[in-house]
Amino acid sequence: MAKSNPTPRPRRAPKKQSQPQPVSDKASSSEASEERSDLVYGRHSVLALLESDRQINRIWLTSQVKRDRRFRELLQQIKKQGTVIDEVATHRLDNLTQYANHQGITAQIAPYSYWDLEALLTRAKSETDSPVIVIADGIEDPHNLGSIVRTAEAMGVQGLIIPQRRAVGVTATVMKVAAGALENLAIARVVNLSKTLEKLKESGFWIYGTTAESSKLLHKIDFSGAIGLVIGSEAKGLSSLVERHCDELVAIPLQGKTPSLNASVAAAIAIYEVYRQKQVKFN
């Protein structure tokens, strides 16, 4: 399918990213009344964190995890760097994580530092001539967002964009479900999603929105060049304003009686189809 992408306008130099502010190392059960964005829990997620360059302020863990050979050397290294390591009982971790599946270890980090949009676009286009950026339109369930992050990073997506309002941000649950993928995927959080889509178009991206209402089927679309893939919210799908800013709307063909898919499942199918086509073309 032929299409003409708009001529990219000159890009401004990326803004300097702000550094995350330090957080207190004091934690109590009262702090866990709301889901925190500075906690990472679960063995796989914390292990990925320990192997990254992220600043870790404090770690709470059980004696069993402390003896685990996978963690022993890494814990010794970060302790030398000033990270506080507390051996605690399981109920302490239950209180910190609101009884989530912490698997005996929880880490406190500086709150997630989102990418500046210009910096994300610059990095994406420097990595490949045909970058893919996923745009989440109002995803409210942290499990869905975490799954989208994990799929996007696994498939080699260059970035993820989420709105500031009426959508979940990077929380402890998102970090847990993403299982370490956040350490390798750039995420920007923007005020106006419609203006952001226009900015992507100016940078040469062709914007596809996923919706069950389209007659154009996913596997029949020619995904080439720079791609912006918009995934709608769990309940409402694409907002009408965002839908109007998409270049094309595409649907995932369904054969059964189920009328729609979970947002993260739909995202996984759409992302895979984009990369399946790219692999076929380049191989």
C-alpha atoms as a PDB file:
ATOM      1  CA  MET A   1       0.000   0.000   0.000  1.00  0.00           C
ATOM      2  CA  ALA A   2       1.541   3.229  -1.106  1.00  0.00           C
ATOM      3  CA  LYS A   3       1.645   6.230   1.132  1.00  0.00           C
ATOM      4  CA  SER A   4       3.571   9.455   1.321  1.00  0.00           C
ATOM      5  CA  ASN A   5       5.063  10.542   4.594  1.00  0.00           C
ATOM      6  CA  PRO A   6       5.230  14.254   5.386  1.00  0.00           C
ATOM      7  CA  THR A   7       8.603  15.917   4.994  1.00  0.00           C
ATOM      8  CA  PRO A   8      10.216  16.111   8.422  1.00  0.00           C
ATOM      9  CA  ARG A   9      10.691  19.590   9.803  1.00  0.00           C
ATOM     10  CA  PRO A  10      14.029  20.579  11.343  1.00  0.00           C
ATOM     11  CA  ARG A  11      14.207  19.224  14.872  1.00  0.00           C
ATOM     12  CA  ARG A  12      15.170  21.303  17.819  1.00  0.00           C
ATOM     13  CA  ALA A  13      17.984  20.133  20.039  1.00  0.00           C
ATOM     14  CA  PRO A  14      16.661  17.791  22.721  1.00  0.00           C
ATOM     15  CA  LYS A  15      16.011  19.383  26.066  1.00  0.00           C
ATOM     16  CA  LYS A  16      18.253  18.442  28.917  1.00  0.00           C
ATOM     17  CA  GLN A  17      16.575  15.826  31.052  1.00  0.00           C
ATOM     18  CA  SER A  18      15.971  16.669  34.657  1.00  0.00           C
ATOM     19  CA  GLN A  19      17.670  14.484  37.212  1.00  0.00           C
ATOM     20  CA  PRO A  20      15.451  12.490  39.561  1.00  0.00           C
ATOM     21  CA  GLN A  21      15.221  13.993  43.038  1.00  0.00           C
ATOM     22  CA  PRO A  22      16.465  11.932  45.966  1.00  0.00           C
ATOM     23  CA  VAL A  23      13.815  10.302  48.131  1.00  0.00           C
ATOM     24  CA  SER A  24      13.792   9.635  51.825  1.00  0.00           C
ATOM     25  CA  ASP A  25      15.032   6.258  52.981  1.00  0.00           C
ATOM     26  CA  LYS A  26      12.358   6.128  55.670  1.00  0.00           C
ATOM     27  CA  ALA A  27       9.503   3.755  54.991  1.00  0.00           C
ATOM     28  CA  SER A  28       6.595   2.557  57.112  1.00  0.00           C
ATOM     29  CA  SER A  29       3.336   0.740  56.655  1.00  0.00           C
ATOM     30  CA  SER A  30       1.515   4.075  56.472  1.00  0.00           C
ATOM     31  CA  GLU A  31       3.510   4.961  53.339  1.00  0.00           C
ATOM     32  CA  ALA A  32       2.026   1.936  51.615  1.00  0.00           C
ATOM     33  CA  SER A  33      -1.556   3.241  51.770  1.00  0.00           C
ATOM     34  CA  GLU A  34      -1.206   4.208  48.110  1.00  0.00           C
ATOM     35  CA  GLU A  35       0.797   2.476  45.430  1.00  0.00           C
ATOM     36  CA  ARG A  36       4.241   4.011  45.308  1.00  0.00           C
ATOM     37  CA  SER A  37       6.257   4.838  42.226  1.00  0.00           C
ATOM     38  CA  ASP A  38       9.608   4.468  43.994  1.00  0.00           C
ATOM     39  CA  LEU A  39       9.376   0.752  44.802  1.00  0.00           C
ATOM     40  CA  VAL A  40      10.481  -2.203  42.716  1.00  0.00           C
ATOM     41  CA  TYR A  41       9.660  -5.680  44.017  1.00  0.00           C
ATOM     42  CA  GLY A  42       9.991  -9.275  42.886  1.00  0.00           C
ATOM     43  CA  ARG A  43      13.224 -11.204  42.365  1.00  0.00           C
ATOM     44  CA  HIS A  44      13.431 -10.858  38.581  1.00  0.00           C
ATOM     45  CA  SER A  45      12.611  -7.124  38.632  1.00  0.00           C
ATOM     46  CA  VAL A  46      15.065  -6.284  41.414  1.00  0.00           C
ATOM     47  CA  LEU A  47      17.773  -8.435  39.833  1.00  0.00           C
ATOM     48  CA  ALA A  48      17.398  -6.482  36.571  1.00  0.00           C
ATOM     49  CA  LEU A  49      17.570  -3.287  38.610  1.00  0.00           C
ATOM     50  CA  LEU A  50      20.778  -4.380  40.353  1.00  0.00           C
ATOM     51  CA  GLU A  51      22.375  -5.124  36.982  1.00  0.00           C
ATOM     52  CA  SER A  52      21.456  -1.665  35.628  1.00  0.00           C
ATOM     53  CA  ASP A  53      22.864   1.786  36.357  1.00  0.00           C
ATOM     54  CA  ARG A  54      19.800   2.997  38.267  1.00  0.00           C
ATOM     55  CA  GLN A  55      20.324   4.606  41.660  1.00  0.00           C
ATOM     56  CA  ILE A  56      19.054   2.368  44.484  1.00  0.00           C
ATOM     57  CA  ASN A  57      18.494   4.044  47.826  1.00  0.00           C
ATOM     58  CA  ARG A  58      17.466   1.064  49.941  1.00  0.00           C
ATOM     59  CA  ILE A  59      16.705  -2.644  49.750  1.00  0.00           C
ATOM     60  CA  TRP A  60      14.528  -4.693  52.083  1.00  0.00           C
ATOM     61  CA  LEU A  61      14.906  -8.462  51.806  1.00  0.00           C
ATOM     62  CA  THR A  62      14.373 -11.675  53.715  1.00  0.00           C
ATOM     63  CA  SER A  63      17.230 -13.828  54.964  1.00  0.00           C
ATOM     64  CA  GLN A  64      16.404 -16.445  52.328  1.00  0.00           C
ATOM     65  CA  VAL A  65      16.902 -14.000  49.468  1.00  0.00           C
ATOM     66  CA  LYS A  66      20.025 -12.577  51.065  1.00  0.00           C
ATOM     67  CA  ARG A  67      21.602 -16.046  50.877  1.00  0.00           C
ATOM     68  CA  ASP A  68      20.623 -16.479  47.215  1.00  0.00           C
ATOM     69  CA  ARG A  69      23.852 -16.673  45.182  1.00  0.00           C
ATOM     70  CA  ARG A  70      22.280 -14.659  42.331  1.00  0.00           C
ATOM     71  CA  PHE A  71      22.009 -11.645  44.636  1.00  0.00           C
ATOM     72  CA  ARG A  72      24.965 -12.057  46.989  1.00  0.00           C
ATOM     73  CA  GLU A  73      27.715 -10.397  44.920  1.00  0.00           C
ATOM     74  CA  LEU A  74      25.487  -7.665  43.518  1.00  0.00           C
ATOM     75  CA  LEU A  75      24.268  -6.744  47.002  1.00  0.00           C
ATOM     76  CA  GLN A  76      27.844  -6.466  48.235  1.00  0.00           C
ATOM     77  CA  GLN A  77      28.671  -4.104  45.374  1.00  0.00           C
ATOM     78  CA  ILE A  78      25.759  -1.708  45.904  1.00  0.00           C
ATOM     79  CA  LYS A  79      26.297  -1.707  49.664  1.00  0.00           C
ATOM     80  CA  LYS A  80      29.773  -0.285  49.031  1.00  0.00           C
ATOM     81  CA  GLN A  81      28.092   2.445  46.970  1.00  0.00           C
ATOM     82  CA  GLY A  82      25.978   3.561  49.926  1.00  0.00           C
ATOM     83  CA  THR A  83      22.748   1.609  49.413  1.00  0.00           C
ATOM     84  CA  VAL A  84      21.106   0.648  52.704  1.00  0.00           C
ATOM     85  CA  ILE A  85      20.297  -3.066  52.899  1.00  0.00           C
ATOM     86  CA  ASP A  86      17.819  -4.212  55.550  1.00  0.00           C
ATOM     87  CA  GLU A  87      17.116  -7.838  56.374  1.00  0.00           C
ATOM     88  CA  VAL A  88      13.463  -7.944  57.430  1.00  0.00           C
ATOM     89  CA  ALA A  89      10.596 -10.316  58.085  1.00  0.00           C
ATOM     90  CA  THR A  90       8.087 -11.127  55.347  1.00  0.00           C
ATOM     91  CA  HIS A  91       5.301  -9.076  56.990  1.00  0.00           C
ATOM     92  CA  ARG A  92       7.436  -5.924  56.621  1.00  0.00           C
ATOM     93  CA  LEU A  93       7.575  -6.450  52.857  1.00  0.00           C
ATOM     94  CA  ASP A  94       3.855  -7.218  52.840  1.00  0.00           C
ATOM     95  CA  ASN A  95       3.179  -3.799  54.368  1.00  0.00           C
ATOM     96  CA  LEU A  96       5.518  -1.993  51.992  1.00  0.00           C
ATOM     97  CA  THR A  97       4.049  -3.547  48.850  1.00  0.00           C
ATOM     98  CA  GLN A  98       0.406  -3.762  49.981  1.00  0.00           C
ATOM     99  CA  TYR A  99       0.638  -7.551  50.018  1.00  0.00           C
ATOM    100  CA  ALA A 100       1.849  -7.803  46.435  1.00  0.00           C
ATOM    101  CA  ASN A 101       3.914 -10.753  45.201  1.00  0.00           C
ATOM    102  CA  HIS A 102       7.271  -9.327  46.355  1.00  0.00           C
ATOM    103  CA  GLN A 103       9.044 -12.731  46.502  1.00  0.00           C
ATOM    104  CA  GLY A 104      11.048 -11.645  49.526  1.00  0.00           C
ATOM    105  CA  ILE A 105      12.740  -8.508  48.147  1.00  0.00           C
ATOM    106  CA  THR A 106      11.841  -4.860  47.557  1.00  0.00           C
ATOM    107  CA  ALA A 107      14.021  -1.958  46.423  1.00  0.00           C
ATOM    108  CA  GLN A 108      13.508   1.781  46.772  1.00  0.00           C
ATOM    109  CA  ILE A 109      14.742   3.876  43.860  1.00  0.00           C
ATOM    110  CA  ALA A 110      14.487   7.484  42.803  1.00  0.00           C
ATOM    111  CA  PRO A 111      11.067   8.035  41.150  1.00  0.00           C
ATOM    112  CA  TYR A 112      11.023   7.136  37.460  1.00  0.00           C
ATOM    113  CA  SER A 113      12.468   9.925  35.335  1.00  0.00           C
ATOM    114  CA  TYR A 114      10.477  10.221  32.121  1.00  0.00           C
ATOM    115  CA  TRP A 115      12.184  11.039  28.848  1.00  0.00           C
ATOM    116  CA  ASP A 116      11.731  14.372  27.168  1.00  0.00           C
ATOM    117  CA  LEU A 117       9.761  13.818  23.951  1.00  0.00           C
ATOM    118  CA  GLU A 118      12.366  15.483  21.726  1.00  0.00           C
ATOM    119  CA  ALA A 119      15.118  13.369  23.262  1.00  0.00           C
ATOM    120  CA  LEU A 120      13.074  10.198  22.771  1.00  0.00           C
ATOM    121  CA  LEU A 121      12.498  10.989  19.088  1.00  0.00           C
ATOM    122  CA  THR A 122      16.139  11.847  18.540  1.00  0.00           C
ATOM    123  CA  ARG A 123      17.275   8.588  20.116  1.00  0.00           C
ATOM    124  CA  ALA A 124      14.687   6.546  18.195  1.00  0.00           C
ATOM    125  CA  LYS A 125      15.745   7.916  14.806  1.00  0.00           C
ATOM    126  CA  SER A 126      19.424   7.491  15.652  1.00  0.00           C
ATOM    127  CA  GLU A 127      18.909   3.769  16.318  1.00  0.00           C
ATOM    128  CA  THR A 128      17.215   2.879  13.036  1.00  0.00           C
ATOM    129  CA  ASP A 129      15.870   4.355   9.816  1.00  0.00           C
ATOM    130  CA  SER A 130      12.468   2.817  10.531  1.00  0.00           C
ATOM    131  CA  PRO A 131      11.772   3.300  14.255  1.00  0.00           C
ATOM    132  CA  VAL A 132       8.593   2.163  15.979  1.00  0.00           C
ATOM    133  CA  ILE A 133       7.048   4.144  18.827  1.00  0.00           C
ATOM    134  CA  VAL A 134       4.009   2.912  20.750  1.00  0.00           C
ATOM    135  CA  ILE A 135       1.502   5.473  22.027  1.00  0.00           C
ATOM    136  CA  ALA A 136      -0.815   4.375  24.846  1.00  0.00           C
ATOM    137  CA  ASP A 137      -4.070   6.354  24.752  1.00  0.00           C
ATOM    138  CA  GLY A 138      -5.444   6.373  28.295  1.00  0.00           C
ATOM    139  CA  ILE A 139      -4.318   2.990  29.664  1.00  0.00           C
ATOM    140  CA  GLU A 140      -5.492   2.992  33.295  1.00  0.00           C
ATOM    141  CA  ASP A 141      -4.616  -0.516  34.485  1.00  0.00           C
ATOM    142  CA  PRO A 142      -0.964  -0.749  35.627  1.00  0.00           C
ATOM    143  CA  HIS A 143      -0.912  -4.445  34.724  1.00  0.00           C
ATOM    144  CA  ASN A 144      -1.817  -3.599  31.135  1.00  0.00           C
ATOM    145  CA  LEU A 145       0.790  -0.835  30.927  1.00  0.00           C
ATOM    146  CA  GLY A 146       3.447  -3.091  32.418  1.00  0.00           C
ATOM    147  CA  SER A 147       2.625  -5.799  29.875  1.00  0.00           C
ATOM    148  CA  ILE A 148       2.807  -3.297  27.025  1.00  0.00           C
ATOM    149  CA  VAL A 149       6.197  -2.099  28.268  1.00  0.00           C
ATOM    150  CA  ARG A 150       7.477  -5.662  28.455  1.00  0.00           C
ATOM    151  CA  THR A 151       6.239  -6.569  24.960  1.00  0.00           C
ATOM    152  CA  ALA A 152       7.489  -3.323  23.426  1.00  0.00           C
ATOM    153  CA  GLU A 153      10.992  -3.735  24.829  1.00  0.00           C
ATOM    154  CA  ALA A 154      11.146  -7.431  23.908  1.00  0.00           C
ATOM    155  CA  MET A 155      10.199  -6.687  20.297  1.00  0.00           C
ATOM    156  CA  GLY A 156      12.701  -3.833  19.957  1.00  0.00           C
ATOM    157  CA  VAL A 157      10.335  -0.846  20.031  1.00  0.00           C
ATOM    158  CA  GLN A 158      12.266   2.433  20.245  1.00  0.00           C
ATOM    159  CA  GLY A 159       9.991   4.206  22.718  1.00  0.00           C
ATOM    160  CA  LEU A 160       6.645   4.485  24.484  1.00  0.00           C
ATOM    161  CA  ILE A 161       4.527   7.613  24.947  1.00  0.00           C
ATOM    162  CA  ILE A 162       1.817   7.954  27.603  1.00  0.00           C
ATOM    163  CA  PRO A 163      -0.435  10.911  28.563  1.00  0.00           C
ATOM    164  CA  GLN A 164      -0.252  12.662  31.930  1.00  0.00           C
ATOM    165  CA  ARG A 165      -4.005  12.760  32.520  1.00  0.00           C
ATOM    166  CA  ARG A 166      -6.543   9.967  32.857  1.00  0.00           C
ATOM    167  CA  ALA A 167      -3.859   7.298  32.493  1.00  0.00           C
ATOM    168  CA  VAL A 168      -1.571   5.335  34.767  1.00  0.00           C
ATOM    169  CA  GLY A 169       2.072   6.314  35.020  1.00  0.00           C
ATOM    170  CA  VAL A 170       5.081   4.186  35.928  1.00  0.00           C
ATOM    171  CA  THR A 171       4.121   2.677  39.292  1.00  0.00           C
ATOM    172  CA  ALA A 172       5.461  -0.195  41.373  1.00  0.00           C
ATOM    173  CA  THR A 173       2.975  -2.566  39.731  1.00  0.00           C
ATOM    174  CA  VAL A 174       4.033  -1.440  36.252  1.00  0.00           C
ATOM    175  CA  MET A 175       7.668  -2.070  37.196  1.00  0.00           C
ATOM    176  CA  LYS A 176       6.819  -5.513  38.563  1.00  0.00           C
ATOM    177  CA  VAL A 177       4.823  -6.603  35.496  1.00  0.00           C
ATOM    178  CA  ALA A 178       7.433  -5.147  33.117  1.00  0.00           C
ATOM    179  CA  ALA A 179       9.982  -7.463  34.778  1.00  0.00           C
ATOM    180  CA  GLY A 180      13.053  -5.314  34.133  1.00  0.00           C
ATOM    181  CA  ALA A 181      12.054  -4.018  30.695  1.00  0.00           C
ATOM    182  CA  LEU A 182      11.783  -0.443  31.991  1.00  0.00           C
ATOM    183  CA  GLU A 183      15.546  -0.305  32.286  1.00  0.00           C
ATOM    184  CA  ASN A 184      15.863  -0.555  28.498  1.00  0.00           C
ATOM    185  CA  LEU A 185      12.833   1.305  27.122  1.00  0.00           C
ATOM    186  CA  ALA A 186      12.504   5.084  26.839  1.00  0.00           C
ATOM    187  CA  ILE A 187       9.124   6.391  28.077  1.00  0.00           C
ATOM    188  CA  ALA A 188       7.872   9.945  27.614  1.00  0.00           C
ATOM    189  CA  ARG A 189       4.841  11.367  29.436  1.00  0.00           C
ATOM    190  CA  VAL A 190       3.120  14.199  27.583  1.00  0.00           C
ATOM    191  CA  VAL A 191       0.425  16.767  28.385  1.00  0.00           C
ATOM    192  CA  ASN A 192      -1.376  16.742  25.016  1.00  0.00           C
ATOM    193  CA  LEU A 193      -1.485  13.467  23.095  1.00  0.00           C
ATOM    194  CA  SER A 194      -3.028  14.988  19.942  1.00  0.00           C
ATOM    195  CA  LYS A 195      -0.269  17.597  19.614  1.00  0.00           C
ATOM    196  CA  THR A 196       2.274  14.869  20.259  1.00  0.00           C
ATOM    197  CA  LEU A 197       0.912  12.830  17.338  1.00  0.00           C
ATOM    198  CA  GLU A 198       1.243  15.897  15.097  1.00  0.00           C
ATOM    199  CA  LYS A 199       4.838  16.297  16.249  1.00  0.00           C
ATOM    200  CA  LEU A 200       5.528  12.677  15.351  1.00  0.00           C
ATOM    201  CA  LYS A 201       4.072  13.281  11.889  1.00  0.00           C
ATOM    202  CA  GLU A 202       6.344  16.297  11.435  1.00  0.00           C
ATOM    203  CA  SER A 203       9.259  13.999  12.285  1.00  0.00           C
ATOM    204  CA  GLY A 204       8.276  11.565   9.537  1.00  0.00           C
ATOM    205  CA  PHE A 205       6.190   9.036  11.472  1.00  0.00           C
ATOM    206  CA  TRP A 206       3.041   7.487   9.977  1.00  0.00           C
ATOM    207  CA  ILE A 207       0.434   7.108  12.730  1.00  0.00           C
ATOM    208  CA  TYR A 208      -1.708   3.957  12.950  1.00  0.00           C
ATOM    209  CA  GLY A 209      -4.536   3.661  15.454  1.00  0.00           C
ATOM    210  CA  THR A 210      -5.895   0.263  16.495  1.00  0.00           C
ATOM    211  CA  THR A 211      -9.691   0.004  16.616  1.00  0.00           C
ATOM    212  CA  ALA A 212     -12.265  -2.733  16.095  1.00  0.00           C
ATOM    213  CA  GLU A 213     -14.321  -0.345  13.963  1.00  0.00           C
ATOM    214  CA  SER A 214     -11.938  -0.209  10.996  1.00  0.00           C
ATOM    215  CA  SER A 215     -12.430  -2.238   7.809  1.00  0.00           C
ATOM    216  CA  LYS A 216      -8.656  -2.263   7.221  1.00  0.00           C
ATOM    217  CA  LEU A 217      -7.161  -5.404   8.738  1.00  0.00           C
ATOM    218  CA  LEU A 218      -3.847  -5.394  10.563  1.00  0.00           C
ATOM    219  CA  HIS A 219      -2.127  -8.089   8.497  1.00  0.00           C
ATOM    220  CA  LYS A 220      -3.047  -6.399   5.204  1.00  0.00           C
ATOM    221  CA  ILE A 221      -1.404  -3.083   6.067  1.00  0.00           C
ATOM    222  CA  ASP A 222       2.056  -2.300   4.710  1.00  0.00           C
ATOM    223  CA  PHE A 223       3.993  -1.219   7.801  1.00  0.00           C
ATOM    224  CA  SER A 224       7.092   0.522   6.474  1.00  0.00           C
ATOM    225  CA  GLY A 225       9.156   3.522   7.469  1.00  0.00           C
ATOM    226  CA  ALA A 226       8.807   5.248  10.837  1.00  0.00           C
ATOM    227  CA  ILE A 227       5.724   3.922  12.651  1.00  0.00           C
ATOM    228  CA  GLY A 228       3.644   5.384  15.469  1.00  0.00           C
ATOM    229  CA  LEU A 229       1.272   2.711  16.826  1.00  0.00           C
ATOM    230  CA  VAL A 230      -1.594   3.980  19.011  1.00  0.00           C
ATOM    231  CA  ILE A 231      -3.243   1.580  21.478  1.00  0.00           C
ATOM    232  CA  GLY A 232      -6.621   2.592  22.934  1.00  0.00           C
ATOM    233  CA  SER A 233      -7.776   2.380  26.548  1.00  0.00           C
ATOM    234  CA  GLU A 234      -9.297  -0.707  28.136  1.00  0.00           C
ATOM    235  CA  ALA A 235     -12.901   0.532  28.214  1.00  0.00           C
ATOM    236  CA  LYS A 236     -13.251   3.156  25.492  1.00  0.00           C
ATOM    237  CA  GLY A 237     -10.578   2.341  22.954  1.00  0.00           C
ATOM    238  CA  LEU A 238      -9.175   5.320  21.063  1.00  0.00           C
ATOM    239  CA  SER A 239     -10.502   8.725  22.090  1.00  0.00           C
ATOM    240  CA  SER A 240     -12.280  10.562  19.270  1.00  0.00           C
ATOM    241  CA  LEU A 241      -9.697  13.358  19.232  1.00  0.00           C
ATOM    242  CA  VAL A 242      -6.745  10.968  19.042  1.00  0.00           C
ATOM    243  CA  GLU A 243      -8.531   8.935  16.384  1.00  0.00           C
ATOM    244  CA  ARG A 244      -8.845  12.032  14.175  1.00  0.00           C
ATOM    245  CA  HIS A 245      -5.085  12.571  14.384  1.00  0.00           C
ATOM    246  CA  CYS A 246      -4.248   9.065  13.144  1.00  0.00           C
ATOM    247  CA  ASP A 247      -3.254   8.638   9.496  1.00  0.00           C
ATOM    248  CA  GLU A 248      -4.918   5.232   9.321  1.00  0.00           C
ATOM    249  CA  LEU A 249      -7.101   3.059  11.551  1.00  0.00           C
ATOM    250  CA  VAL A 250      -6.524  -0.687  11.574  1.00  0.00           C
ATOM    251  CA  ALA A 251      -8.347  -3.633  13.140  1.00  0.00           C
ATOM    252  CA  ILE A 252      -7.218  -7.005  14.437  1.00  0.00           C
ATOM    253  CA  PRO A 253      -9.350  -9.679  12.715  1.00  0.00           C
ATOM    254  CA  LEU A 254     -11.309 -11.742  15.245  1.00  0.00           C
ATOM    255  CA  GLN A 255     -12.929 -15.083  14.366  1.00  0.00           C
ATOM    256  CA  GLY A 256     -14.658 -16.035  17.612  1.00  0.00           C
ATOM    257  CA  LYS A 257     -17.590 -14.524  19.463  1.00  0.00           C
ATOM    258  CA  THR A 258     -15.428 -12.385  21.764  1.00  0.00           C
ATOM    259  CA  PRO A 259     -15.953  -8.804  20.517  1.00  0.00           C
ATOM    260  CA  SER A 260     -12.667  -7.291  21.685  1.00  0.00           C
ATOM    261  CA  LEU A 261      -9.254  -7.982  23.211  1.00  0.00           C
ATOM    262  CA  ASN A 262      -7.516  -6.833  26.353  1.00  0.00           C
ATOM    263  CA  ALA A 263      -5.483  -3.674  25.636  1.00  0.00           C
ATOM    264  CA  SER A 264      -2.128  -5.305  26.342  1.00  0.00           C
ATOM    265  CA  VAL A 265      -3.009  -8.350  24.215  1.00  0.00           C
ATOM    266  CA  ALA A 266      -4.081  -6.131  21.316  1.00  0.00           C
ATOM    267  CA  ALA A 267      -0.849  -4.170  21.687  1.00  0.00           C
ATOM    268  CA  ALA A 268       1.227  -7.369  21.610  1.00  0.00           C
ATOM    269  CA  ILE A 269      -0.474  -8.617  18.439  1.00  0.00           C
ATOM    270  CA  ALA A 270      -0.115  -5.266  16.663  1.00  0.00           C
ATOM    271  CA  ILE A 271       3.530  -4.798  17.688  1.00  0.00           C
ATOM    272  CA  TYR A 272       4.382  -8.314  16.560  1.00  0.00           C
ATOM    273  CA  GLU A 273       2.782  -7.777  13.133  1.00  0.00           C
ATOM    274  CA  VAL A 274       4.778  -4.577  12.603  1.00  0.00           C
ATOM    275  CA  TYR A 275       8.036  -6.337  13.439  1.00  0.00           C
ATOM    276  CA  ARG A 276       7.119  -9.498  11.532  1.00  0.00           C
ATOM    277  CA  GLN A 277       6.815  -7.409   8.380  1.00  0.00           C
ATOM    278  CA  LYS A 278      10.082  -5.618   9.086  1.00  0.00           C
ATOM    279  CA  GLN A 279      11.910  -8.936   9.571  1.00  0.00           C
ATOM    280  CA  VAL A 280      10.521 -10.287   6.304  1.00  0.00           C
ATOM    281  CA  LYS A 281      11.620  -7.169   4.415  1.00  0.00           C
ATOM    282  CA  PHE A 282      15.126  -7.061   5.833  1.00  0.00           C
ATOM    283  CA  ASN A 283      15.759 -10.812   5.696  1.00  0.00           C
END
